[in-house]
């Protein structure tokens, strides 16, 4: 829960779990999604590691358009690319909410 009273959840994808990360050997990068546990609206995205500057605009666009974490889960991302981390992080977060 934030100070403003927003109940949130996070979903994480480590680059080592993503095919592209394994291909180039990036053991430390990760993508984290923050979203409302109630509405599933995306609240923020954190990325560090290879190609993070090439990925952040995807999360920025979905956030600014009021999109939900479901967008990332239901979207087909090119494979093998780091963009796949959005789907993995979305699934990770939704699994926490749907338990």
N, C-alpha and C. Protein backbone atom coordinates (compact mmCIF):
# COMPACT_ATOMS: atom_id res chain seq x y z
N UNK A 1 0.85 -1.17 0.00
CA UNK A 1 0.00 0.00 0.00
C UNK A 1 0.90 1.24 0.00
N UNK A 2 0.58 2.20 -0.86
CA UNK A 2 1.36 3.43 -0.90
C UNK A 2 0.87 4.39 0.17
N UNK A 3 1.57 5.49 0.35
CA UNK A 3 1.13 6.51 1.30
C UNK A 3 -0.22 7.08 0.92
N UNK A 4 -0.51 7.11 -0.39
CA UNK A 4 -1.79 7.62 -0.88
C UNK A 4 -2.90 6.58 -0.75
N UNK A 5 -2.58 5.40 -0.24
CA UNK A 5 -3.58 4.37 -0.03
C UNK A 5 -3.88 3.50 -1.23
N UNK A 6 -2.98 3.50 -2.20
CA UNK A 6 -3.17 2.67 -3.39
C UNK A 6 -2.58 1.28 -3.14
N UNK A 7 -3.43 0.28 -3.19
CA UNK A 7 -2.95 -1.10 -3.05
C UNK A 7 -2.33 -1.51 -4.38
N UNK A 8 -1.07 -1.91 -4.34
CA UNK A 8 -0.38 -2.25 -5.58
C UNK A 8 0.26 -3.62 -5.48
N UNK A 9 0.59 -4.15 -6.63
CA UNK A 9 1.33 -5.41 -6.73
C UNK A 9 2.45 -5.18 -7.72
N UNK A 10 3.43 -6.05 -7.67
CA UNK A 10 4.54 -5.95 -8.62
C UNK A 10 4.74 -7.29 -9.31
N UNK A 11 5.25 -7.20 -10.50
CA UNK A 11 5.64 -8.38 -11.26
C UNK A 11 7.05 -8.17 -11.77
N UNK A 12 7.86 -9.19 -11.69
CA UNK A 12 9.27 -9.08 -12.05
C UNK A 12 9.65 -10.12 -13.09
N UNK A 13 10.51 -9.70 -14.01
CA UNK A 13 11.12 -10.62 -14.96
C UNK A 13 12.62 -10.36 -14.96
N UNK A 14 13.38 -11.36 -14.58
CA UNK A 14 14.84 -11.25 -14.61
C UNK A 14 15.32 -11.61 -16.02
N UNK A 15 16.27 -10.86 -16.51
CA UNK A 15 16.78 -11.10 -17.86
C UNK A 15 17.28 -12.53 -18.04
N UNK A 16 17.80 -13.12 -16.99
CA UNK A 16 18.32 -14.49 -17.12
C UNK A 16 17.19 -15.49 -17.42
N UNK A 17 15.92 -15.09 -17.16
CA UNK A 17 14.76 -15.94 -17.44
C UNK A 17 14.25 -15.76 -18.87
N UNK A 18 14.72 -14.73 -19.54
CA UNK A 18 14.26 -14.38 -20.88
C UNK A 18 15.25 -14.95 -21.89
N UNK A 19 14.75 -15.52 -22.96
CA UNK A 19 15.64 -16.14 -23.96
C UNK A 19 16.73 -15.19 -24.41
N UNK A 20 16.40 -13.94 -24.69
CA UNK A 20 17.40 -12.99 -25.18
C UNK A 20 18.47 -12.73 -24.12
N UNK A 21 18.07 -12.67 -22.88
CA UNK A 21 19.03 -12.48 -21.80
C UNK A 21 19.99 -13.65 -21.69
N UNK A 22 19.44 -14.86 -21.84
CA UNK A 22 20.29 -16.06 -21.80
C UNK A 22 21.25 -16.09 -22.99
N UNK A 23 20.77 -15.67 -24.16
CA UNK A 23 21.61 -15.67 -25.37
C UNK A 23 22.83 -14.78 -25.20
N UNK A 24 22.62 -13.57 -24.63
CA UNK A 24 23.76 -12.65 -24.50
C UNK A 24 24.45 -12.75 -23.14
N UNK A 25 23.89 -13.55 -22.24
CA UNK A 25 24.53 -13.75 -20.94
C UNK A 25 24.30 -12.63 -19.94
N UNK A 26 23.19 -11.90 -20.06
CA UNK A 26 22.88 -10.83 -19.10
C UNK A 26 22.26 -11.46 -17.85
N UNK A 27 23.04 -11.59 -16.80
CA UNK A 27 22.60 -12.23 -15.56
C UNK A 27 21.96 -11.26 -14.58
N UNK A 28 22.09 -9.95 -14.82
CA UNK A 28 21.71 -8.99 -13.79
C UNK A 28 20.52 -8.09 -14.13
N UNK A 29 20.18 -7.98 -15.41
CA UNK A 29 19.08 -7.10 -15.80
C UNK A 29 17.74 -7.60 -15.32
N UNK A 30 16.79 -6.66 -15.21
CA UNK A 30 15.44 -7.04 -14.82
C UNK A 30 14.45 -5.96 -15.21
N UNK A 31 13.18 -6.37 -15.30
CA UNK A 31 12.07 -5.46 -15.56
C UNK A 31 11.05 -5.69 -14.47
N UNK A 32 10.56 -4.59 -13.88
CA UNK A 32 9.55 -4.69 -12.82
C UNK A 32 8.36 -3.82 -13.19
N UNK A 33 7.17 -4.39 -13.11
CA UNK A 33 5.92 -3.67 -13.32
C UNK A 33 5.27 -3.42 -11.98
N UNK A 34 4.74 -2.23 -11.79
CA UNK A 34 3.91 -1.92 -10.63
C UNK A 34 2.51 -1.64 -11.15
N UNK A 35 1.50 -2.26 -10.54
CA UNK A 35 0.14 -2.04 -11.00
C UNK A 35 -0.83 -2.10 -9.83
N UNK A 36 -1.98 -1.47 -10.01
CA UNK A 36 -3.02 -1.47 -8.99
C UNK A 36 -3.54 -2.89 -8.80
N UNK A 37 -3.57 -3.34 -7.57
CA UNK A 37 -4.08 -4.68 -7.28
C UNK A 37 -5.59 -4.76 -7.51
N UNK A 38 -6.26 -3.62 -7.46
CA UNK A 38 -7.72 -3.61 -7.63
C UNK A 38 -8.14 -3.45 -9.09
N UNK A 39 -7.56 -2.46 -9.78
CA UNK A 39 -7.98 -2.17 -11.16
C UNK A 39 -7.04 -2.75 -12.21
N UNK A 40 -5.88 -3.21 -11.77
CA UNK A 40 -4.82 -3.73 -12.64
C UNK A 40 -4.16 -2.66 -13.52
N UNK A 41 -4.49 -1.39 -13.30
CA UNK A 41 -3.89 -0.30 -14.08
C UNK A 41 -2.40 -0.23 -13.79
N UNK A 42 -1.61 -0.07 -14.84
CA UNK A 42 -0.15 0.02 -14.70
C UNK A 42 0.19 1.36 -14.04
N UNK A 43 0.98 1.29 -12.97
CA UNK A 43 1.38 2.48 -12.23
C UNK A 43 2.82 2.89 -12.53
N UNK A 44 3.65 1.95 -12.93
CA UNK A 44 5.03 2.28 -13.21
C UNK A 44 5.81 1.08 -13.72
N UNK A 45 6.94 1.37 -14.32
CA UNK A 45 7.83 0.35 -14.86
C UNK A 45 9.26 0.72 -14.49
N UNK A 46 10.01 -0.25 -14.02
CA UNK A 46 11.43 -0.07 -13.71
C UNK A 46 12.20 -1.08 -14.54
N UNK A 47 13.25 -0.62 -15.20
CA UNK A 47 14.07 -1.53 -16.01
C UNK A 47 15.53 -1.16 -15.81
N UNK A 48 16.38 -2.18 -15.63
CA UNK A 48 17.82 -1.96 -15.73
C UNK A 48 18.44 -3.16 -16.41
N UNK A 49 19.51 -2.92 -17.12
CA UNK A 49 20.19 -3.98 -17.85
C UNK A 49 20.29 -3.64 -19.32
N UNK A 50 20.69 -4.61 -20.10
CA UNK A 50 20.87 -4.44 -21.53
C UNK A 50 19.58 -3.94 -22.19
N UNK A 51 19.73 -2.97 -23.06
CA UNK A 51 18.62 -2.46 -23.87
C UNK A 51 17.48 -1.82 -23.08
N UNK A 52 17.73 -1.43 -21.85
CA UNK A 52 16.64 -0.84 -21.06
C UNK A 52 16.10 0.43 -21.71
N UNK A 53 16.97 1.22 -22.31
CA UNK A 53 16.51 2.44 -22.99
C UNK A 53 15.64 2.12 -24.20
N UNK A 54 15.81 0.93 -24.77
CA UNK A 54 15.01 0.51 -25.92
C UNK A 54 13.66 -0.07 -25.49
N UNK A 55 13.49 -0.34 -24.21
CA UNK A 55 12.27 -0.99 -23.71
C UNK A 55 11.33 -0.06 -22.95
N UNK A 56 11.86 0.95 -22.32
CA UNK A 56 11.07 1.73 -21.38
C UNK A 56 9.88 2.42 -22.04
N UNK A 57 10.00 2.78 -23.31
CA UNK A 57 8.90 3.48 -23.99
C UNK A 57 7.63 2.63 -24.07
N UNK A 58 7.77 1.32 -24.09
CA UNK A 58 6.59 0.44 -24.15
C UNK A 58 5.78 0.62 -22.85
N UNK A 59 6.46 0.53 -21.73
CA UNK A 59 5.79 0.72 -20.45
C UNK A 59 5.25 2.12 -20.27
N UNK A 60 6.00 3.12 -20.76
CA UNK A 60 5.55 4.50 -20.68
C UNK A 60 4.25 4.70 -21.45
N UNK A 61 4.17 4.16 -22.65
CA UNK A 61 2.96 4.32 -23.47
C UNK A 61 1.75 3.67 -22.80
N UNK A 62 1.92 2.45 -22.31
CA UNK A 62 0.80 1.75 -21.66
C UNK A 62 0.37 2.50 -20.40
N UNK A 63 1.32 2.99 -19.63
CA UNK A 63 1.01 3.74 -18.41
C UNK A 63 0.24 5.02 -18.73
N UNK A 64 0.75 5.80 -19.69
CA UNK A 64 0.11 7.08 -20.03
C UNK A 64 -1.28 6.90 -20.64
N UNK A 65 -1.51 5.78 -21.29
CA UNK A 65 -2.82 5.51 -21.89
C UNK A 65 -3.79 4.85 -20.90
N UNK A 66 -3.35 4.67 -19.65
CA UNK A 66 -4.21 4.06 -18.63
C UNK A 66 -4.40 2.58 -18.79
N UNK A 67 -3.44 1.92 -19.44
CA UNK A 67 -3.54 0.49 -19.70
C UNK A 67 -3.37 -0.35 -18.44
N UNK A 68 -3.73 -1.61 -18.59
CA UNK A 68 -3.64 -2.54 -17.46
C UNK A 68 -2.54 -3.56 -17.71
N UNK A 69 -2.21 -4.29 -16.67
CA UNK A 69 -1.22 -5.35 -16.77
C UNK A 69 -1.69 -6.43 -17.73
N UNK A 70 -2.99 -6.53 -17.92
CA UNK A 70 -3.53 -7.52 -18.86
C UNK A 70 -3.03 -7.28 -20.29
N UNK A 71 -2.76 -6.02 -20.63
CA UNK A 71 -2.23 -5.71 -21.95
C UNK A 71 -0.93 -6.49 -22.19
N UNK A 72 -0.06 -6.47 -21.20
CA UNK A 72 1.23 -7.16 -21.35
C UNK A 72 1.06 -8.67 -21.42
N UNK A 73 0.12 -9.20 -20.67
CA UNK A 73 -0.11 -10.64 -20.66
C UNK A 73 -0.71 -11.10 -21.99
N UNK A 74 -1.58 -10.30 -22.57
CA UNK A 74 -2.29 -10.70 -23.79
C UNK A 74 -1.59 -10.31 -25.09
N UNK A 75 -0.52 -9.54 -25.01
CA UNK A 75 0.19 -9.10 -26.20
C UNK A 75 1.25 -10.12 -26.60
N UNK A 76 1.40 -10.31 -27.89
CA UNK A 76 2.45 -11.19 -28.41
C UNK A 76 3.69 -10.33 -28.63
N UNK A 77 4.78 -10.68 -27.99
CA UNK A 77 6.04 -9.96 -28.15
C UNK A 77 6.99 -10.78 -29.02
N UNK A 78 7.80 -10.09 -29.80
CA UNK A 78 8.79 -10.78 -30.64
C UNK A 78 9.68 -11.65 -29.77
N UNK A 79 10.10 -12.76 -30.34
CA UNK A 79 10.93 -13.73 -29.60
C UNK A 79 12.12 -14.10 -30.48
N UNK A 80 13.28 -14.10 -29.99
CA UNK A 80 13.71 -13.74 -28.64
C UNK A 80 14.12 -12.27 -28.56
N UNK A 81 13.40 -11.49 -27.80
CA UNK A 81 13.75 -10.10 -27.53
C UNK A 81 13.56 -9.83 -26.04
N UNK A 82 14.14 -8.74 -25.58
CA UNK A 82 13.95 -8.37 -24.18
C UNK A 82 12.52 -7.91 -23.90
N UNK A 83 11.77 -7.51 -24.94
CA UNK A 83 10.40 -7.07 -24.75
C UNK A 83 9.53 -8.18 -24.15
N UNK A 84 9.93 -9.41 -24.36
CA UNK A 84 9.21 -10.54 -23.76
C UNK A 84 9.15 -10.42 -22.23
N UNK A 85 10.07 -9.66 -21.65
CA UNK A 85 10.09 -9.48 -20.20
C UNK A 85 8.80 -8.83 -19.70
N UNK A 86 8.15 -8.01 -20.52
CA UNK A 86 6.87 -7.42 -20.11
C UNK A 86 5.82 -8.50 -19.85
N UNK A 87 5.75 -9.48 -20.72
CA UNK A 87 4.77 -10.58 -20.55
C UNK A 87 5.11 -11.39 -19.30
N UNK A 88 6.38 -11.73 -19.13
CA UNK A 88 6.80 -12.53 -17.99
C UNK A 88 6.52 -11.78 -16.68
N UNK A 89 6.83 -10.48 -16.63
CA UNK A 89 6.57 -9.69 -15.43
C UNK A 89 5.08 -9.57 -15.17
N UNK A 90 4.29 -9.40 -16.23
CA UNK A 90 2.84 -9.32 -16.08
C UNK A 90 2.27 -10.60 -15.51
N UNK A 91 2.71 -11.73 -16.03
CA UNK A 91 2.24 -13.02 -15.52
C UNK A 91 2.67 -13.23 -14.07
N UNK A 92 3.90 -12.83 -13.76
CA UNK A 92 4.40 -12.95 -12.39
C UNK A 92 3.53 -12.15 -11.42
N UNK A 93 3.20 -10.92 -11.79
CA UNK A 93 2.38 -10.08 -10.93
C UNK A 93 0.96 -10.58 -10.81
N UNK A 94 0.34 -10.96 -11.92
CA UNK A 94 -1.04 -11.45 -11.86
C UNK A 94 -1.15 -12.74 -11.07
N UNK A 95 -0.14 -13.58 -11.12
CA UNK A 95 -0.17 -14.80 -10.32
C UNK A 95 -0.24 -14.48 -8.83
N UNK A 96 0.35 -13.39 -8.41
CA UNK A 96 0.29 -12.98 -7.00
C UNK A 96 -1.10 -12.49 -6.63
N UNK A 97 -1.76 -11.79 -7.55
CA UNK A 97 -3.09 -11.22 -7.29
C UNK A 97 -4.16 -12.31 -7.33
N UNK A 98 -4.00 -13.27 -8.21
CA UNK A 98 -5.03 -14.27 -8.42
C UNK A 98 -4.93 -15.49 -7.51
N UNK A 99 -4.01 -15.52 -6.59
CA UNK A 99 -3.87 -16.65 -5.67
C UNK A 99 -5.07 -16.83 -4.81
